Protein backbone atom coordinates (compact mmCIF):
# COMPACT_ATOMS: atom_id res chain seq x y z
CA MET A 1 99.86 -179.61 28.91
CA GLU A 2 97.27 -178.11 31.18
CA ASN A 3 98.28 -178.10 34.82
CA MET A 4 94.68 -177.94 36.01
CA GLN A 5 94.45 -181.40 37.44
CA LEU A 6 90.90 -182.62 37.81
CA GLU A 7 90.11 -183.88 41.23
CA LYS A 8 89.92 -187.63 41.23
CA VAL A 9 87.15 -189.47 43.01
CA ILE A 10 86.87 -193.20 43.43
CA ILE A 11 83.47 -194.60 44.36
CA VAL A 12 83.52 -197.87 46.28
CA GLU A 13 80.87 -199.85 48.13
CA GLY A 14 82.05 -200.27 51.69
CA THR A 15 84.50 -198.97 54.26
CA SER A 16 86.74 -202.03 53.92
CA ASP A 17 86.99 -201.27 50.18
CA LYS A 18 87.81 -197.67 51.01
CA LYS A 19 90.60 -198.69 53.41
CA LYS A 20 92.06 -201.10 50.87
CA VAL A 21 92.04 -198.56 48.03
CA LYS A 22 93.42 -195.82 50.30
CA SER A 23 96.36 -198.04 51.23
CA VAL A 24 97.29 -198.55 47.57
CA VAL A 25 96.72 -195.06 46.14
CA ASN A 26 99.61 -192.61 46.21
CA GLU A 27 97.92 -189.33 45.30
CA PRO A 28 95.19 -187.20 46.84
CA VAL A 29 92.02 -188.99 45.81
CA GLU A 30 88.63 -188.67 47.41
CA ILE A 31 87.13 -192.07 48.12
CA ILE A 32 83.37 -192.19 48.54
CA CYS A 33 81.50 -195.14 50.03
CA THR A 34 78.01 -195.89 48.83
CA ASN A 35 77.57 -198.54 51.53
CA GLY A 36 75.96 -200.87 49.06
CA THR A 37 72.86 -199.58 47.37
CA ILE A 38 72.27 -195.92 46.82
CA SER A 39 68.95 -194.10 46.53
CA LEU A 40 68.25 -191.93 43.51
CA SER A 41 68.10 -188.78 45.62
CA LYS A 42 71.46 -189.63 47.17
CA LEU A 43 72.83 -190.40 43.73
CA ASP A 44 71.60 -187.07 42.37
CA GLU A 45 73.24 -185.31 45.28
CA LEU A 46 76.45 -187.19 44.59
CA ILE A 47 76.35 -186.37 40.89
CA ASP A 48 76.04 -182.65 41.65
CA GLU A 49 79.02 -182.96 43.96
CA LEU A 50 81.03 -184.86 41.36
CA PHE A 51 80.44 -182.41 38.55
CA ASN A 52 83.77 -181.52 36.88
CA LYS A 53 85.68 -184.24 38.71
CA GLU A 54 87.30 -187.33 37.33
CA VAL A 55 85.16 -190.15 38.69
CA TYR A 56 86.02 -193.84 38.86
CA ILE A 57 83.63 -196.57 39.88
CA LEU A 58 85.33 -199.50 41.60
CA VAL A 59 82.81 -201.96 42.97
CA ASP A 60 82.72 -205.67 43.74
CA ALA A 61 82.37 -208.19 40.94
CA ASP A 62 79.10 -209.51 42.33
CA GLU A 63 75.39 -208.90 41.90
CA ALA A 64 75.24 -205.91 44.23
CA GLY A 65 78.28 -204.36 42.57
CA GLU A 66 76.84 -204.89 39.09
CA LYS A 67 73.57 -203.31 40.14
CA LEU A 68 75.38 -200.26 41.47
CA ARG A 69 77.49 -200.09 38.32
CA LYS A 70 74.38 -200.14 36.12
CA GLN A 71 72.89 -197.33 38.17
CA PHE A 72 76.01 -195.21 37.71
CA LYS A 73 76.19 -195.98 33.99
CA ARG A 74 72.63 -194.76 33.62
CA GLU A 75 72.77 -191.73 35.92
CA PHE A 76 76.40 -190.73 35.53
CA PRO A 77 77.69 -191.91 32.13
CA GLU A 78 80.85 -189.76 32.39
CA ALA A 79 82.28 -191.95 35.14
CA ALA A 80 85.06 -194.40 34.28
CA HIS A 81 84.51 -197.97 35.39
CA LEU A 82 87.33 -199.97 36.89
CA TYR A 83 86.98 -203.71 37.13
CA ILE A 84 88.67 -206.11 39.49
CA ASP A 85 89.19 -209.66 38.34
CA ARG A 86 86.06 -211.73 38.90
CA ALA A 87 88.22 -214.35 40.60
CA TYR A 88 88.62 -212.00 43.57
CA ARG A 89 84.96 -210.98 43.64
CA GLU A 90 85.44 -208.21 46.20
CA VAL A 91 87.54 -205.07 46.17
CA ALA A 92 88.36 -205.58 49.85
CA THR A 93 89.75 -209.08 49.28
CA ALA A 94 91.57 -208.44 46.01
CA PRO A 95 95.36 -208.57 46.44
CA LYS A 96 96.94 -205.13 46.66
CA HIS A 97 99.13 -205.75 43.61
CA HIS A 98 96.01 -206.51 41.55
CA LEU A 99 94.26 -203.39 42.82
CA ALA A 100 97.37 -201.31 42.13
CA THR A 101 97.47 -202.56 38.53
CA VAL A 102 93.77 -201.77 38.01
CA LEU A 103 94.17 -198.25 39.44
CA LEU A 104 97.37 -197.61 37.52
CA SER A 105 95.61 -198.50 34.27
CA ALA A 106 93.31 -195.55 35.01
CA ASN A 107 96.31 -193.25 35.52
CA ILE A 108 95.85 -193.17 39.26
CA ASP A 109 99.16 -193.01 41.04
CA VAL A 110 99.79 -196.00 43.30
CA ASN A 111 102.45 -197.01 45.79
CA THR A 112 105.01 -198.74 43.57
CA GLU A 113 105.72 -201.38 46.21
CA TYR A 114 102.40 -202.99 45.24
CA LEU A 115 103.29 -203.24 41.57
CA SER A 116 105.79 -206.02 42.09
CA LYS A 117 104.06 -209.24 43.01
CA GLY A 118 105.02 -210.89 46.24
């Protein structure tokens, strides 16, 4: 086992998403907000910054989120995509236990209190 842990980065859309994810995650993870759309120059900058990091894309299950996801798939194919259930539509409004399950499936450590429903 290599002990060189890659830095984990989660890319979300807005600050409310960031707060929600931060409250569930239980390991040092950098959370970056795109604040909705992202320009190509900003994206290029971001990609340089994210080189050699473990990157997860966690965006809303709506049109804006899909658009952003497509952009990342094209420009940054190495990133892992995490999906919230379409029923919740937004990361910020998804229940914490759902978010915890999604993050855990990507081997991101979460606060175990959110893994039990209720």
